PDB file of N, CA and C in Angstrom:
ATOM      1  N   HIS A   1      50.648 -28.091 -41.610  1.00  0.00           N
ATOM      2  CA  HIS A   1      50.710 -28.287 -40.170  1.00  0.00           C
ATOM      3  C   HIS A   1      49.845 -29.468 -39.772  1.00  0.00           C
ATOM      4  N   THR A   2      50.191 -30.069 -38.655  1.00  0.00           N
ATOM      5  CA  THR A   2      49.387 -31.173 -38.162  1.00  0.00           C
ATOM      6  C   THR A   2      48.803 -30.890 -36.781  1.00  0.00           C
ATOM      7  N   HIS A   3      48.825 -29.668 -36.356  1.00  0.00           N
ATOM      8  CA  HIS A   3      48.200 -29.309 -35.090  1.00  0.00           C
ATOM      9  C   HIS A   3      46.717 -29.047 -35.366  1.00  0.00           C
ATOM     10  N   PRO A   4      45.805 -29.755 -34.680  1.00  0.00           N
ATOM     11  CA  PRO A   4      44.393 -29.645 -35.023  1.00  0.00           C
ATOM     12  C   PRO A   4      43.807 -28.244 -34.850  1.00  0.00           C
ATOM     13  N   GLN A   5      44.282 -27.496 -33.880  1.00  0.00           N
ATOM     14  CA  GLN A   5      43.763 -26.140 -33.709  1.00  0.00           C
ATOM     15  C   GLN A   5      44.207 -25.224 -34.856  1.00  0.00           C
ATOM     16  N   LEU A   6      45.454 -25.366 -35.291  1.00  0.00           N
ATOM     17  CA  LEU A   6      45.907 -24.566 -36.435  1.00  0.00           C
ATOM     18  C   LEU A   6      45.155 -24.945 -37.697  1.00  0.00           C
ATOM     19  N   LEU A   7      44.920 -26.235 -37.872  1.00  0.00           N
ATOM     20  CA  LEU A   7      44.138 -26.685 -39.021  1.00  0.00           C
ATOM     21  C   LEU A   7      42.728 -26.099 -38.977  1.00  0.00           C
ATOM     22  N   THR A   8      42.149 -26.046 -37.792  1.00  0.00           N
ATOM     23  CA  THR A   8      40.804 -25.487 -37.644  1.00  0.00           C
ATOM     24  C   THR A   8      40.793 -24.000 -37.950  1.00  0.00           C
ATOM     25  N   PHE A   9      41.780 -23.264 -37.441  1.00  0.00           N
ATOM     26  CA  PHE A   9      41.859 -21.830 -37.752  1.00  0.00           C
ATOM     27  C   PHE A   9      41.984 -21.609 -39.258  1.00  0.00           C
ATOM     28  N   ALA A  10      42.811 -22.413 -39.900  1.00  0.00           N
ATOM     29  CA  ALA A  10      42.975 -22.296 -41.354  1.00  0.00           C
ATOM     30  C   ALA A  10      41.676 -22.647 -42.071  1.00  0.00           C
ATOM     31  N   ALA A  11      40.961 -23.650 -41.575  1.00  0.00           N
ATOM     32  CA  ALA A  11      39.692 -24.047 -42.191  1.00  0.00           C
ATOM     33  C   ALA A  11      38.659 -22.939 -42.063  1.00  0.00           C
ATOM     34  N   ILE A  12      38.585 -22.318 -40.897  1.00  0.00           N
ATOM     35  CA  ILE A  12      37.647 -21.213 -40.701  1.00  0.00           C
ATOM     36  C   ILE A  12      38.008 -20.047 -41.616  1.00  0.00           C
ATOM     37  N   PHE A  13      39.281 -19.747 -41.737  1.00  0.00           N
ATOM     38  CA  PHE A  13      39.732 -18.683 -42.644  1.00  0.00           C
ATOM     39  C   PHE A  13      39.302 -18.998 -44.077  1.00  0.00           C
ATOM     40  N   GLN A  14      39.534 -20.238 -44.503  1.00  0.00           N
ATOM     41  CA  GLN A  14      39.182 -20.624 -45.872  1.00  0.00           C
ATOM     42  C   GLN A  14      37.668 -20.521 -46.119  1.00  0.00           C
ATOM     43  N   THR A  15      36.872 -20.979 -45.157  1.00  0.00           N
ATOM     44  CA  THR A  15      35.425 -20.999 -45.384  1.00  0.00           C
ATOM     45  C   THR A  15      34.773 -19.646 -45.164  1.00  0.00           C
ATOM     46  N   GLU A  16      35.170 -18.935 -44.136  1.00  0.00           N
ATOM     47  CA  GLU A  16      34.464 -17.710 -43.773  1.00  0.00           C
ATOM     48  C   GLU A  16      35.032 -16.447 -44.413  1.00  0.00           C
ATOM     49  N   ILE A  17      36.309 -16.435 -44.716  1.00  0.00           N
ATOM     50  CA  ILE A  17      36.934 -15.228 -45.282  1.00  0.00           C
ATOM     51  C   ILE A  17      37.110 -15.359 -46.792  1.00  0.00           C
ATOM     52  N   ILE A  18      37.668 -16.469 -47.213  1.00  0.00           N
ATOM     53  CA  ILE A  18      37.985 -16.646 -48.626  1.00  0.00           C
ATOM     54  C   ILE A  18      36.836 -17.306 -49.395  1.00  0.00           C
ATOM     55  N   ASN A  19      35.893 -17.918 -48.678  1.00  0.00           N
ATOM     56  CA  ASN A  19      34.766 -18.642 -49.281  1.00  0.00           C
ATOM     57  C   ASN A  19      35.214 -19.841 -50.094  1.00  0.00           C
ATOM     58  N   ASN A  20      36.316 -20.447 -49.695  1.00  0.00           N
ATOM     59  CA  ASN A  20      36.794 -21.668 -50.339  1.00  0.00           C
ATOM     60  C   ASN A  20      36.361 -22.840 -49.457  1.00  0.00           C
ATOM     61  N   TYR A  21      35.119 -23.263 -49.655  1.00  0.00           N
ATOM     62  CA  TYR A  21      34.542 -24.281 -48.789  1.00  0.00           C
ATOM     63  C   TYR A  21      35.190 -25.641 -48.981  1.00  0.00           C
ATOM     64  N   GLN A  22      35.581 -25.967 -50.178  1.00  0.00           N
ATOM     65  CA  GLN A  22      36.208 -27.265 -50.418  1.00  0.00           C
ATOM     66  C   GLN A  22      37.529 -27.384 -49.646  1.00  0.00           C
ATOM     67  N   LYS A  23      38.354 -26.355 -49.741  1.00  0.00           N
ATOM     68  CA  LYS A  23      39.636 -26.396 -49.035  1.00  0.00           C
ATOM     69  C   LYS A  23      39.412 -26.384 -47.527  1.00  0.00           C
ATOM     70  N   GLY A  24      38.513 -25.532 -47.063  1.00  0.00           N
ATOM     71  CA  GLY A  24      38.210 -25.471 -45.644  1.00  0.00           C
ATOM     72  C   GLY A  24      37.669 -26.787 -45.122  1.00  0.00           C
ATOM     73  N   PHE A  25      36.797 -27.407 -45.894  1.00  0.00           N
ATOM     74  CA  PHE A  25      36.233 -28.693 -45.509  1.00  0.00           C
ATOM     75  C   PHE A  25      37.336 -29.736 -45.364  1.00  0.00           C
ATOM     76  N   GLY A  26      38.263 -29.736 -46.297  1.00  0.00           N
ATOM     77  CA  GLY A  26      39.391 -30.665 -46.219  1.00  0.00           C
ATOM     78  C   GLY A  26      40.231 -30.444 -44.970  1.00  0.00           C
ATOM     79  N   LEU A  27      40.391 -29.189 -44.573  1.00  0.00           N
ATOM     80  CA  LEU A  27      41.155 -28.876 -43.364  1.00  0.00           C
ATOM     81  C   LEU A  27      40.406 -29.313 -42.105  1.00  0.00           C
ATOM     82  N   PHE A  28      39.087 -29.148 -42.098  1.00  0.00           N
ATOM     83  CA  PHE A  28      38.296 -29.644 -40.964  1.00  0.00           C
ATOM     84  C   PHE A  28      38.442 -31.162 -40.847  1.00  0.00           C
ATOM     85  N   LYS A  29      38.409 -31.862 -41.978  1.00  0.00           N
ATOM     86  CA  LYS A  29      38.578 -33.314 -41.968  1.00  0.00           C
ATOM     87  C   LYS A  29      39.959 -33.704 -41.459  1.00  0.00           C
ATOM     88  N   LYS A  30      40.977 -32.967 -41.869  1.00  0.00           N
ATOM     89  CA  LYS A  30      42.346 -33.253 -41.424  1.00  0.00           C
ATOM     90  C   LYS A  30      42.473 -33.068 -39.907  1.00  0.00           C
ATOM     91  N   ALA A  31      41.830 -32.039 -39.360  1.00  0.00           N
ATOM     92  CA  ALA A  31      41.869 -31.816 -37.909  1.00  0.00           C
ATOM     93  C   ALA A  31      41.265 -33.009 -37.166  1.00  0.00           C
ATOM     94  N   VAL A  32      40.196 -33.577 -37.720  1.00  0.00           N
ATOM     95  CA  VAL A  32      39.575 -34.758 -37.114  1.00  0.00           C
ATOM     96  C   VAL A  32      40.516 -35.953 -37.203  1.00  0.00           C
ATOM     97  N   GLU A  33      41.195 -36.097 -38.330  1.00  0.00           N
ATOM     98  CA  GLU A  33      42.137 -37.211 -38.490  1.00  0.00           C
ATOM     99  C   GLU A  33      43.284 -37.109 -37.487  1.00  0.00           C
ATOM    100  N   VAL A  34      43.747 -35.891 -37.237  1.00  0.00           N
ATOM    101  CA  VAL A  34      44.876 -35.670 -36.332  1.00  0.00           C
ATOM    102  C   VAL A  34      44.460 -35.884 -34.875  1.00  0.00           C
ATOM    103  N   ALA A  35      43.223 -35.517 -34.549  1.00  0.00           N
ATOM    104  CA  ALA A  35      42.752 -35.612 -33.155  1.00  0.00           C
ATOM    105  C   ALA A  35      41.397 -36.325 -33.109  1.00  0.00           C
ATOM    106  N   PRO A  36      41.358 -37.614 -33.431  1.00  0.00           N
ATOM    107  CA  PRO A  36      40.075 -38.316 -33.530  1.00  0.00           C
ATOM    108  C   PRO A  36      39.303 -38.429 -32.222  1.00  0.00           C
ATOM    109  N   GLY A  37      39.973 -38.357 -31.105  1.00  0.00           N
ATOM    110  CA  GLY A  37      39.312 -38.497 -29.817  1.00  0.00           C
ATOM    111  C   GLY A  37      38.815 -37.202 -29.205  1.00  0.00           C
ATOM    112  N   ARG A  38      38.952 -36.107 -29.941  1.00  0.00           N
ATOM    113  CA  ARG A  38      38.530 -34.805 -29.412  1.00  0.00           C
ATOM    114  C   ARG A  38      37.277 -34.344 -30.141  1.00  0.00           C
ATOM    115  N   PRO A  39      36.131 -34.368 -29.462  1.00  0.00           N
ATOM    116  CA  PRO A  39      34.863 -34.087 -30.123  1.00  0.00           C
ATOM    117  C   PRO A  39      34.741 -32.683 -30.712  1.00  0.00           C
ATOM    118  N   ALA A  40      35.458 -31.711 -30.197  1.00  0.00           N
ATOM    119  CA  ALA A  40      35.342 -30.343 -30.712  1.00  0.00           C
ATOM    120  C   ALA A  40      35.656 -30.286 -32.204  1.00  0.00           C
ATOM    121  N   PHE A  41      36.630 -31.056 -32.646  1.00  0.00           N
ATOM    122  CA  PHE A  41      37.001 -31.017 -34.057  1.00  0.00           C
ATOM    123  C   PHE A  41      35.951 -31.711 -34.929  1.00  0.00           C
ATOM    124  N   ARG A  42      35.287 -32.721 -34.384  1.00  0.00           N
ATOM    125  CA  ARG A  42      34.179 -33.355 -35.115  1.00  0.00           C
ATOM    126  C   ARG A  42      32.966 -32.423 -35.183  1.00  0.00           C
ATOM    127  N   ILE A  43      32.758 -31.644 -34.139  1.00  0.00           N
ATOM    128  CA  ILE A  43      31.666 -30.659 -34.159  1.00  0.00           C
ATOM    129  C   ILE A  43      31.920 -29.649 -35.271  1.00  0.00           C
ATOM    130  N   ASN A  44      33.162 -29.195 -35.406  1.00  0.00           N
ATOM    131  CA  ASN A  44      33.493 -28.263 -36.495  1.00  0.00           C
ATOM    132  C   ASN A  44      33.242 -28.902 -37.854  1.00  0.00           C
ATOM    133  N   LEU A  45      33.632 -30.157 -38.000  1.00  0.00           N
ATOM    134  CA  LEU A  45      33.381 -30.882 -39.249  1.00  0.00           C
ATOM    135  C   LEU A  45      31.884 -30.998 -39.493  1.00  0.00           C
ATOM    136  N   LEU A  46      31.130 -31.304 -38.457  1.00  0.00           N
ATOM    137  CA  LEU A  46      29.676 -31.414 -38.581  1.00  0.00           C
ATOM    138  C   LEU A  46      29.069 -30.102 -39.065  1.00  0.00           C
ATOM    139  N   ARG A  47      29.516 -28.993 -38.505  1.00  0.00           N
ATOM    140  CA  ARG A  47      29.021 -27.675 -38.949  1.00  0.00           C
ATOM    141  C   ARG A  47      29.307 -27.462 -40.435  1.00  0.00           C
ATOM    142  N   ALA A  48      30.502 -27.821 -40.859  1.00  0.00           N
ATOM    143  CA  ALA A  48      30.866 -27.665 -42.270  1.00  0.00           C
ATOM    144  C   ALA A  48      29.995 -28.569 -43.149  1.00  0.00           C
ATOM    145  N   GLN A  49      29.774 -29.797 -42.714  1.00  0.00           N
ATOM    146  CA  GLN A  49      28.929 -30.716 -43.483  1.00  0.00           C
ATOM    147  C   GLN A  49      27.511 -30.173 -43.609  1.00  0.00           C
ATOM    148  N   LEU A  50      26.977 -29.626 -42.542  1.00  0.00           N
ATOM    149  CA  LEU A  50      25.634 -29.054 -42.596  1.00  0.00           C
ATOM    150  C   LEU A  50      25.593 -27.846 -43.526  1.00  0.00           C
ATOM    151  N   LYS A  51      26.602 -27.005 -43.421  1.00  0.00           N
ATOM    152  CA  LYS A  51      26.650 -25.800 -44.259  1.00  0.00           C
ATOM    153  C   LYS A  51      26.728 -26.167 -45.741  1.00  0.00           C
ATOM    154  N   MET A  52      27.449 -27.252 -46.042  1.00  0.00           N
ATOM    155  CA  MET A  52      27.594 -27.696 -47.430  1.00  0.00           C
ATOM    156  C   MET A  52      26.479 -28.659 -47.849  1.00  0.00           C
ATOM    157  N   GLN A  53      25.499 -28.865 -46.955  1.00  0.00           N
ATOM    158  CA  GLN A  53      24.358 -29.744 -47.192  1.00  0.00           C
ATOM    159  C   GLN A  53      24.783 -31.171 -47.521  1.00  0.00           C
ATOM    160  N   GLN A  54      25.826 -31.621 -46.866  1.00  0.00           N
ATOM    161  CA  GLN A  54      26.283 -33.006 -46.995  1.00  0.00           C
ATOM    162  C   GLN A  54      25.633 -33.803 -45.858  1.00  0.00           C
ATOM    163  N   PHE A  55      24.343 -34.043 -46.030  1.00  0.00           N
ATOM    164  CA  PHE A  55      23.550 -34.586 -44.933  1.00  0.00           C
ATOM    165  C   PHE A  55      23.898 -36.028 -44.588  1.00  0.00           C
ATOM    166  N   SER A  56      24.193 -36.858 -45.563  1.00  0.00           N
ATOM    167  CA  SER A  56      24.536 -38.241 -45.222  1.00  0.00           C
ATOM    168  C   SER A  56      25.851 -38.295 -44.437  1.00  0.00           C
ATOM    169  N   GLU A  57      26.823 -37.461 -44.807  1.00  0.00           N
ATOM    170  CA  GLU A  57      28.073 -37.389 -44.073  1.00  0.00           C
ATOM    171  C   GLU A  57      27.841 -36.826 -42.670  1.00  0.00           C
ATOM    172  N   ALA A  58      26.975 -35.814 -42.578  1.00  0.00           N
ATOM    173  CA  ALA A  58      26.650 -35.226 -41.277  1.00  0.00           C
ATOM    174  C   ALA A  58      25.970 -36.251 -40.375  1.00  0.00           C
ATOM    175  N   CYS A  59      25.113 -37.078 -40.941  1.00  0.00           N
ATOM    176  CA  CYS A  59      24.461 -38.136 -40.159  1.00  0.00           C
ATOM    177  C   CYS A  59      25.500 -39.112 -39.614  1.00  0.00           C
ATOM    178  N   ALA A  60      26.474 -39.459 -40.432  1.00  0.00           N
ATOM    179  CA  ALA A  60      27.541 -40.364 -39.980  1.00  0.00           C
ATOM    180  C   ALA A  60      28.369 -39.706 -38.881  1.00  0.00           C
ATOM    181  N   THR A  61      28.644 -38.426 -39.015  1.00  0.00           N
ATOM    182  CA  THR A  61      29.389 -37.704 -37.981  1.00  0.00           C
ATOM    183  C   THR A  61      28.589 -37.661 -36.690  1.00  0.00           C
ATOM    184  N   MET A  62      27.277 -37.435 -36.790  1.00  0.00           N
ATOM    185  CA  MET A  62      26.425 -37.433 -35.598  1.00  0.00           C
ATOM    186  C   MET A  62      26.456 -38.797 -34.913  1.00  0.00           C
ATOM    187  N   ASP A  63      26.366 -39.850 -35.701  1.00  0.00           N
ATOM    188  CA  ASP A  63      26.428 -41.198 -35.126  1.00  0.00           C
ATOM    189  C   ASP A  63      27.728 -41.396 -34.358  1.00  0.00           C
ATOM    190  N   TYR A  64      28.821 -40.934 -34.946  1.00  0.00           N
ATOM    191  CA  TYR A  64      30.116 -41.077 -34.282  1.00  0.00           C
ATOM    192  C   TYR A  64      30.162 -40.247 -32.997  1.00  0.00           C
ATOM    193  N   LEU A  65      29.649 -39.024 -33.060  1.00  0.00           N
ATOM    194  CA  LEU A  65      29.642 -38.167 -31.879  1.00  0.00           C
ATOM    195  C   LEU A  65      28.823 -38.785 -30.750  1.00  0.00           C
ATOM    196  N   GLU A  66      27.762 -39.470 -31.104  1.00  0.00           N
ATOM    197  CA  GLU A  66      26.917 -40.096 -30.087  1.00  0.00           C
ATOM    198  C   GLU A  66      27.626 -41.262 -29.396  1.00  0.00           C
ATOM    199  N   SER A  67      28.714 -41.739 -29.974  1.00  0.00           N
ATOM    200  CA  SER A  67      29.469 -42.828 -29.347  1.00  0.00           C
ATOM    201  C   SER A  67      30.423 -42.319 -28.256  1.00  0.00           C
ATOM    202  N   PHE A  68      30.645 -40.999 -28.204  1.00  0.00           N
ATOM    203  CA  PHE A  68      31.507 -40.438 -27.175  1.00  0.00           C
ATOM    204  C   PHE A  68      30.803 -40.508 -25.826  1.00  0.00           C
ATOM    205  N   PRO A  69      31.565 -40.679 -24.745  1.00  0.00           N
ATOM    206  CA  PRO A  69      30.952 -40.665 -23.416  1.00  0.00           C
ATOM    207  C   PRO A  69      30.299 -39.309 -23.124  1.00  0.00           C
ATOM    208  N   ASP A  70      29.204 -39.330 -22.375  1.00  0.00           N
ATOM    209  CA  ASP A  70      28.495 -38.094 -22.043  1.00  0.00           C
ATOM    210  C   ASP A  70      29.409 -37.058 -21.413  1.00  0.00           C
ATOM    211  N   LYS A  71      30.370 -37.531 -20.634  1.00  0.00           N
ATOM    212  CA  LYS A  71      31.300 -36.625 -19.952  1.00  0.00           C
ATOM    213  C   LYS A  71      32.054 -35.746 -20.958  1.00  0.00           C
ATOM    214  N   LYS A  72      32.414 -36.315 -22.103  1.00  0.00           N
ATOM    215  CA  LYS A  72      33.143 -35.548 -23.127  1.00  0.00           C
ATOM    216  C   LYS A  72      32.213 -34.635 -23.919  1.00  0.00           C
ATOM    217  N   MET A  73      30.931 -34.944 -23.941  1.00  0.00           N
ATOM    218  CA  MET A  73      30.007 -34.225 -24.810  1.00  0.00           C
ATOM    219  C   MET A  73      29.207 -33.134 -24.102  1.00  0.00           C
ATOM    220  N   ILE A  74      29.351 -33.020 -22.808  1.00  0.00           N
ATOM    221  CA  ILE A  74      28.531 -32.081 -22.046  1.00  0.00           C
ATOM    222  C   ILE A  74      28.661 -30.640 -22.562  1.00  0.00           C
ATOM    223  N   TYR A  75      29.830 -30.275 -23.029  1.00  0.00           N
ATOM    224  CA  TYR A  75      30.047 -28.910 -23.506  1.00  0.00           C
ATOM    225  C   TYR A  75      29.481 -28.670 -24.902  1.00  0.00           C
ATOM    226  N   PHE A  76      29.063 -29.725 -25.562  1.00  0.00           N
ATOM    227  CA  PHE A  76      28.624 -29.622 -26.950  1.00  0.00           C
ATOM    228  C   PHE A  76      27.128 -29.904 -27.123  1.00  0.00           C
ATOM    229  N   GLN A  77      26.386 -29.951 -26.022  1.00  0.00           N
ATOM    230  CA  GLN A  77      24.972 -30.303 -26.101  1.00  0.00           C
ATOM    231  C   GLN A  77      24.184 -29.367 -27.010  1.00  0.00           C
ATOM    232  N   ARG A  78      24.441 -28.083 -26.911  1.00  0.00           N
ATOM    233  CA  ARG A  78      23.700 -27.111 -27.734  1.00  0.00           C
ATOM    234  C   ARG A  78      23.947 -27.362 -29.217  1.00  0.00           C
ATOM    235  N   GLU A  79      25.200 -27.561 -29.596  1.00  0.00           N
ATOM    236  CA  GLU A  79      25.530 -27.822 -30.994  1.00  0.00           C
ATOM    237  C   GLU A  79      24.897 -29.124 -31.484  1.00  0.00           C
ATOM    238  N   ILE A  80      24.919 -30.143 -30.638  1.00  0.00           N
ATOM    239  CA  ILE A  80      24.328 -31.428 -31.008  1.00  0.00           C
ATOM    240  C   ILE A  80      22.821 -31.280 -31.222  1.00  0.00           C
ATOM    241  N   GLU A  81      22.163 -30.579 -30.314  1.00  0.00           N
ATOM    242  CA  GLU A  81      20.716 -30.378 -30.443  1.00  0.00           C
ATOM    243  C   GLU A  81      20.381 -29.596 -31.706  1.00  0.00           C
ATOM    244  N   MET A  82      21.165 -28.573 -32.021  1.00  0.00           N
ATOM    245  CA  MET A  82      20.930 -27.797 -33.243  1.00  0.00           C
ATOM    246  C   MET A  82      21.128 -28.671 -34.474  1.00  0.00           C
ATOM    247  N   ALA A  83      22.183 -29.479 -34.470  1.00  0.00           N
ATOM    248  CA  ALA A  83      22.448 -30.363 -35.609  1.00  0.00           C
ATOM    249  C   ALA A  83      21.329 -31.391 -35.761  1.00  0.00           C
ATOM    250  N   GLN A  84      20.837 -31.913 -34.644  1.00  0.00           N
ATOM    251  CA  GLN A  84      19.749 -32.876 -34.720  1.00  0.00           C
ATOM    252  C   GLN A  84      18.512 -32.250 -35.352  1.00  0.00           C
ATOM    253  N   THR A  85      18.260 -30.998 -35.039  1.00  0.00           N
ATOM    254  CA  THR A  85      17.131 -30.279 -35.636  1.00  0.00           C
ATOM    255  C   THR A  85      17.330 -30.149 -37.154  1.00  0.00           C
ATOM    256  N   TRP A  86      18.524 -29.767 -37.566  1.00  0.00           N
ATOM    257  CA  TRP A  86      18.818 -29.606 -38.985  1.00  0.00           C
ATOM    258  C   TRP A  86      18.716 -30.939 -39.726  1.00  0.00           C
ATOM    259  N   LEU A  87      19.095 -32.010 -39.051  1.00  0.00           N
ATOM    260  CA  LEU A  87      19.126 -33.327 -39.692  1.00  0.00           C
ATOM    261  C   LEU A  87      17.820 -34.103 -39.544  1.00  0.00           C
ATOM    262  N   ASP A  88      16.838 -33.520 -38.889  1.00  0.00           N
ATOM    263  CA  ASP A  88      15.575 -34.208 -38.669  1.00  0.00           C
ATOM    264  C   ASP A  88      14.977 -34.684 -40.000  1.00  0.00           C
ATOM    265  N   GLY A  89      14.798 -35.999 -40.098  1.00  0.00           N
ATOM    266  CA  GLY A  89      14.231 -36.589 -41.311  1.00  0.00           C
ATOM    267  C   GLY A  89      15.230 -36.859 -42.419  1.00  0.00           C
ATOM    268  N   LYS A  90      16.509 -36.504 -42.199  1.00  0.00           N
ATOM    269  CA  LYS A  90      17.516 -36.689 -43.251  1.00  0.00           C
ATOM    270  C   LYS A  90      18.407 -37.903 -43.014  1.00  0.00           C
ATOM    271  N   CYS A  91      18.375 -38.452 -41.810  1.00  0.00           N
ATOM    272  CA  CYS A  91      19.192 -39.612 -41.495  1.00  0.00           C
ATOM    273  C   CYS A  91      18.317 -40.860 -41.536  1.00  0.00           C
ATOM    274  N   GLY A  92      18.868 -41.888 -42.127  1.00  0.00           N
ATOM    275  CA  GLY A  92      18.070 -43.112 -42.289  1.00  0.00           C
ATOM    276  C   GLY A  92      18.359 -44.091 -41.290  1.00  0.00           C
TER     277      GLY A  92
END
């Protein structure tokens, strides 16, 4: 499927139910590719990157998220702040 919400549901199923993080991670990435302008899907990818301790990738995702207008990011402030805490000292 190429619908980003369906891809996200499948990714959550893979990571949280089946514990197949590699497949789930790939689905989160695909959702971002399908809907690059929608920050919610990048937030999901960021969560997966943090969970898999892919800190350099998470730093790049954070940089990209920071390029979104504040208007689009207002609903994601809590997640961004939590990610910044997790990434403290890990981004160069």
